[in-house]
């Protein structure tokens, strides 16, 4: 068992002792979930922060990806249309 003391800051934030944080692999940005039992026993669970790149592909696509070339062409067409409208309307 590892035992260490922490502190609560003036803002109500919990300071995790370094040896506990190191042992659990807690990094800046990770979440902590606090659970208090009816017997006043507090348990703390670490909720690891996920990088945005880890979420890529987790949702099913609404339509098939047409490819980079088609996406670039669509962006060019959209920008060209907007530029033409701005020239026509004096913006």
N, C-alpha and C. Protein backbone atom coordinates (compact mmCIF):
# COMPACT_ATOMS: atom_id res chain seq x y z
N UNK A 1 0.85 -1.17 0.00
CA UNK A 1 0.00 0.00 0.00
C UNK A 1 0.89 1.24 0.00
N UNK A 2 0.49 2.23 -0.79
CA UNK A 2 1.20 3.51 -0.81
C UNK A 2 0.33 4.52 -0.08
N UNK A 3 0.93 5.25 0.82
CA UNK A 3 0.20 6.27 1.56
C UNK A 3 0.95 7.59 1.44
N UNK A 4 0.22 8.65 1.18
CA UNK A 4 0.82 9.98 1.07
C UNK A 4 -0.23 11.01 1.41
N UNK A 5 0.21 12.17 1.83
CA UNK A 5 -0.71 13.25 2.18
C UNK A 5 -0.76 14.26 1.05
N UNK A 6 -1.94 14.81 0.83
CA UNK A 6 -2.14 15.86 -0.16
C UNK A 6 -2.75 17.06 0.52
N UNK A 7 -3.05 18.07 -0.25
CA UNK A 7 -3.64 19.29 0.30
C UNK A 7 -4.79 19.76 -0.60
N UNK A 8 -5.67 20.53 0.02
CA UNK A 8 -6.72 21.23 -0.72
C UNK A 8 -6.31 22.69 -0.73
N UNK A 9 -6.27 23.28 -1.93
CA UNK A 9 -5.85 24.68 -2.06
C UNK A 9 -6.97 25.62 -1.65
N UNK A 10 -6.67 26.88 -1.59
CA UNK A 10 -7.66 27.89 -1.26
C UNK A 10 -8.81 27.95 -2.26
N UNK A 11 -8.56 27.47 -3.48
CA UNK A 11 -9.59 27.43 -4.52
C UNK A 11 -10.39 26.13 -4.47
N UNK A 12 -10.08 25.26 -3.51
CA UNK A 12 -10.78 23.99 -3.40
C UNK A 12 -10.22 22.92 -4.32
N UNK A 13 -9.06 23.16 -4.89
CA UNK A 13 -8.43 22.19 -5.77
C UNK A 13 -7.62 21.20 -4.95
N UNK A 14 -7.58 19.96 -5.42
CA UNK A 14 -6.85 18.91 -4.71
C UNK A 14 -5.46 18.77 -5.31
N UNK A 15 -4.47 18.76 -4.46
CA UNK A 15 -3.09 18.56 -4.90
C UNK A 15 -2.75 17.09 -4.67
N UNK A 16 -2.47 16.37 -5.76
CA UNK A 16 -2.15 14.95 -5.67
C UNK A 16 -0.66 14.82 -5.34
N UNK A 17 -0.32 14.04 -4.32
CA UNK A 17 1.10 13.84 -3.99
C UNK A 17 1.86 13.25 -5.18
N UNK A 18 3.07 13.69 -5.38
CA UNK A 18 3.87 13.29 -6.54
C UNK A 18 4.02 11.78 -6.65
N UNK A 19 4.33 11.10 -5.56
CA UNK A 19 4.54 9.65 -5.67
C UNK A 19 3.26 8.91 -6.05
N UNK A 20 2.11 9.43 -5.65
CA UNK A 20 0.83 8.82 -6.05
C UNK A 20 0.58 9.11 -7.52
N UNK A 21 0.78 10.36 -7.92
CA UNK A 21 0.60 10.74 -9.32
C UNK A 21 1.51 9.96 -10.25
N UNK A 22 2.77 9.81 -9.84
CA UNK A 22 3.72 9.04 -10.65
C UNK A 22 3.31 7.58 -10.75
N UNK A 23 2.91 6.99 -9.63
CA UNK A 23 2.53 5.58 -9.61
C UNK A 23 1.32 5.32 -10.51
N UNK A 24 0.35 6.23 -10.48
CA UNK A 24 -0.87 6.07 -11.28
C UNK A 24 -0.73 6.60 -12.70
N UNK A 25 0.39 7.26 -12.99
CA UNK A 25 0.60 7.81 -14.32
C UNK A 25 -0.28 9.02 -14.60
N UNK A 26 -0.63 9.77 -13.56
CA UNK A 26 -1.48 10.95 -13.72
C UNK A 26 -0.68 12.06 -14.39
N UNK A 27 -1.27 12.63 -15.42
CA UNK A 27 -0.66 13.74 -16.15
C UNK A 27 -1.57 14.96 -16.05
N UNK A 28 -1.00 16.12 -16.32
CA UNK A 28 -1.78 17.35 -16.34
C UNK A 28 -2.92 17.21 -17.35
N UNK A 29 -4.13 17.54 -16.94
CA UNK A 29 -5.29 17.43 -17.82
C UNK A 29 -6.12 16.19 -17.55
N UNK A 30 -5.56 15.19 -16.86
CA UNK A 30 -6.34 14.00 -16.51
C UNK A 30 -7.40 14.39 -15.49
N UNK A 31 -8.51 13.67 -15.51
CA UNK A 31 -9.59 13.93 -14.57
C UNK A 31 -9.51 13.00 -13.38
N UNK A 32 -10.08 13.43 -12.28
CA UNK A 32 -10.19 12.59 -11.10
C UNK A 32 -11.67 12.49 -10.74
N UNK A 33 -12.14 11.28 -10.48
CA UNK A 33 -13.52 11.05 -10.08
C UNK A 33 -13.51 10.66 -8.61
N UNK A 34 -14.22 11.42 -7.80
CA UNK A 34 -14.28 11.17 -6.36
C UNK A 34 -15.60 10.49 -6.03
N UNK A 35 -15.54 9.40 -5.25
CA UNK A 35 -16.74 8.69 -4.81
C UNK A 35 -16.69 8.56 -3.29
N UNK A 36 -17.74 8.99 -2.64
CA UNK A 36 -17.82 8.93 -1.19
C UNK A 36 -18.88 7.90 -0.81
N UNK A 37 -18.48 6.88 -0.06
CA UNK A 37 -19.41 5.83 0.35
C UNK A 37 -20.23 6.31 1.54
N UNK A 38 -21.32 5.61 1.85
CA UNK A 38 -22.11 5.98 3.04
C UNK A 38 -21.28 5.89 4.33
N UNK A 39 -20.19 5.11 4.29
CA UNK A 39 -19.34 4.96 5.47
C UNK A 39 -18.21 5.99 5.49
N UNK A 40 -18.32 7.01 4.62
CA UNK A 40 -17.35 8.12 4.54
C UNK A 40 -15.98 7.67 4.05
N UNK A 41 -15.96 6.62 3.24
CA UNK A 41 -14.72 6.18 2.60
C UNK A 41 -14.66 6.84 1.23
N UNK A 42 -13.57 7.53 0.96
CA UNK A 42 -13.40 8.24 -0.30
C UNK A 42 -12.51 7.42 -1.23
N UNK A 43 -12.99 7.19 -2.44
CA UNK A 43 -12.16 6.55 -3.46
C UNK A 43 -11.99 7.54 -4.60
N UNK A 44 -10.82 7.50 -5.20
CA UNK A 44 -10.50 8.40 -6.30
C UNK A 44 -10.10 7.56 -7.50
N UNK A 45 -10.74 7.80 -8.64
CA UNK A 45 -10.43 7.09 -9.87
C UNK A 45 -9.87 8.10 -10.88
N UNK A 46 -8.87 7.67 -11.62
CA UNK A 46 -8.25 8.54 -12.63
C UNK A 46 -8.97 8.34 -13.96
N UNK A 47 -9.36 9.43 -14.57
CA UNK A 47 -9.95 9.40 -15.91
C UNK A 47 -8.95 10.07 -16.83
N UNK A 48 -8.21 9.23 -17.60
CA UNK A 48 -7.14 9.73 -18.46
C UNK A 48 -7.71 10.65 -19.54
N UNK A 49 -7.03 11.78 -19.74
CA UNK A 49 -7.39 12.69 -20.83
C UNK A 49 -7.00 12.02 -22.14
N UNK A 50 -7.84 12.16 -23.15
CA UNK A 50 -7.54 11.56 -24.45
C UNK A 50 -7.14 12.65 -25.42
N UNK A 51 -6.16 12.33 -26.23
CA UNK A 51 -5.74 13.27 -27.27
C UNK A 51 -6.78 13.22 -28.38
N UNK A 52 -6.97 14.36 -29.03
CA UNK A 52 -7.94 14.45 -30.11
C UNK A 52 -7.66 13.43 -31.20
N UNK A 53 -6.39 13.18 -31.47
CA UNK A 53 -6.03 12.22 -32.53
C UNK A 53 -6.50 10.81 -32.19
N UNK A 54 -6.68 10.49 -30.91
CA UNK A 54 -7.16 9.17 -30.52
C UNK A 54 -8.63 8.99 -30.87
N UNK A 55 -9.35 10.09 -31.05
CA UNK A 55 -10.78 10.00 -31.33
C UNK A 55 -11.09 9.88 -32.82
N UNK A 56 -10.08 10.05 -33.66
CA UNK A 56 -10.30 9.98 -35.10
C UNK A 56 -10.88 8.62 -35.48
N UNK A 57 -11.97 8.67 -36.23
CA UNK A 57 -12.59 7.45 -36.72
C UNK A 57 -13.54 6.79 -35.74
N UNK A 58 -13.81 7.41 -34.58
CA UNK A 58 -14.68 6.75 -33.61
C UNK A 58 -16.16 6.89 -33.97
N UNK A 59 -16.50 7.84 -34.84
CA UNK A 59 -17.88 7.98 -35.30
C UNK A 59 -17.99 7.45 -36.73
N UNK A 60 -19.11 6.79 -37.03
CA UNK A 60 -19.25 6.29 -38.40
C UNK A 60 -19.45 7.45 -39.36
N UNK A 61 -18.90 7.34 -40.57
CA UNK A 61 -19.06 8.43 -41.55
C UNK A 61 -20.50 8.50 -42.05
N UNK A 62 -20.97 9.71 -42.35
CA UNK A 62 -22.31 9.89 -42.92
C UNK A 62 -22.31 9.56 -44.41
N UNK A 63 -21.14 9.73 -45.03
CA UNK A 63 -21.00 9.40 -46.45
C UNK A 63 -19.56 8.96 -46.67
N UNK A 64 -19.29 8.23 -47.72
CA UNK A 64 -17.92 7.81 -47.98
C UNK A 64 -17.01 9.00 -48.26
N UNK A 65 -15.77 8.91 -47.85
CA UNK A 65 -14.80 9.97 -48.09
C UNK A 65 -14.41 9.95 -49.56
N UNK A 66 -14.60 11.07 -50.29
CA UNK A 66 -14.34 11.08 -51.73
C UNK A 66 -12.86 11.12 -52.09
N UNK A 67 -12.01 11.45 -51.14
CA UNK A 67 -10.58 11.56 -51.42
C UNK A 67 -10.12 12.99 -51.31
N UNK A 68 -8.82 13.15 -51.14
CA UNK A 68 -8.23 14.48 -50.93
C UNK A 68 -8.46 15.38 -52.15
N UNK A 69 -8.24 14.86 -53.35
CA UNK A 69 -8.37 15.68 -54.56
C UNK A 69 -9.79 16.24 -54.69
N UNK A 70 -10.80 15.42 -54.46
CA UNK A 70 -12.19 15.88 -54.56
C UNK A 70 -12.50 16.91 -53.47
N UNK A 71 -11.99 16.71 -52.27
CA UNK A 71 -12.20 17.67 -51.18
C UNK A 71 -11.56 19.02 -51.52
N UNK A 72 -10.35 18.98 -52.08
CA UNK A 72 -9.67 20.22 -52.47
C UNK A 72 -10.42 20.92 -53.59
N UNK A 73 -10.92 20.17 -54.57
CA UNK A 73 -11.71 20.77 -55.67
C UNK A 73 -12.98 21.41 -55.12
N UNK A 74 -13.65 20.74 -54.20
CA UNK A 74 -14.88 21.29 -53.61
C UNK A 74 -14.58 22.59 -52.86
N UNK A 75 -13.46 22.62 -52.15
CA UNK A 75 -13.08 23.84 -51.42
C UNK A 75 -12.78 24.97 -52.40
N UNK A 76 -12.10 24.66 -53.50
CA UNK A 76 -11.80 25.68 -54.51
C UNK A 76 -13.09 26.23 -55.13
N UNK A 77 -14.02 25.34 -55.46
CA UNK A 77 -15.30 25.78 -56.05
C UNK A 77 -16.06 26.68 -55.08
N UNK A 78 -16.07 26.29 -53.81
CA UNK A 78 -16.78 27.08 -52.81
C UNK A 78 -16.14 28.46 -52.66
N UNK A 79 -14.81 28.50 -52.58
CA UNK A 79 -14.10 29.76 -52.42
C UNK A 79 -14.29 30.63 -53.67
N UNK A 80 -14.24 30.02 -54.85
CA UNK A 80 -14.40 30.79 -56.10
C UNK A 80 -15.79 31.40 -56.16
N UNK A 81 -16.81 30.66 -55.74
CA UNK A 81 -18.17 31.18 -55.73
C UNK A 81 -18.31 32.35 -54.77
N UNK A 82 -17.70 32.23 -53.61
CA UNK A 82 -17.77 33.30 -52.61
C UNK A 82 -17.02 34.54 -53.11
N UNK A 83 -15.85 34.33 -53.73
CA UNK A 83 -15.06 35.45 -54.25
C UNK A 83 -15.83 36.17 -55.36
N UNK A 84 -16.49 35.41 -56.25
CA UNK A 84 -17.27 36.01 -57.33
C UNK A 84 -18.42 36.84 -56.76
N UNK A 85 -19.10 36.33 -55.75
CA UNK A 85 -20.20 37.04 -55.13
C UNK A 85 -19.70 38.34 -54.50
N UNK A 86 -18.54 38.29 -53.82
CA UNK A 86 -17.99 39.50 -53.19
C UNK A 86 -17.61 40.55 -54.24
N UNK A 87 -17.03 40.12 -55.37
CA UNK A 87 -16.68 41.06 -56.43
C UNK A 87 -17.92 41.69 -57.03
N UNK A 88 -18.95 40.88 -57.23
CA UNK A 88 -20.19 41.36 -57.83
C UNK A 88 -20.88 42.38 -56.91
N UNK A 89 -20.82 42.15 -55.62
CA UNK A 89 -21.52 43.00 -54.66
C UNK A 89 -20.64 44.08 -54.04
N UNK A 90 -19.42 44.21 -54.51
CA UNK A 90 -18.53 45.27 -54.05
C UNK A 90 -18.00 45.09 -52.63
N UNK A 91 -17.90 43.88 -52.16
CA UNK A 91 -17.37 43.64 -50.80
C UNK A 91 -15.93 43.24 -50.85
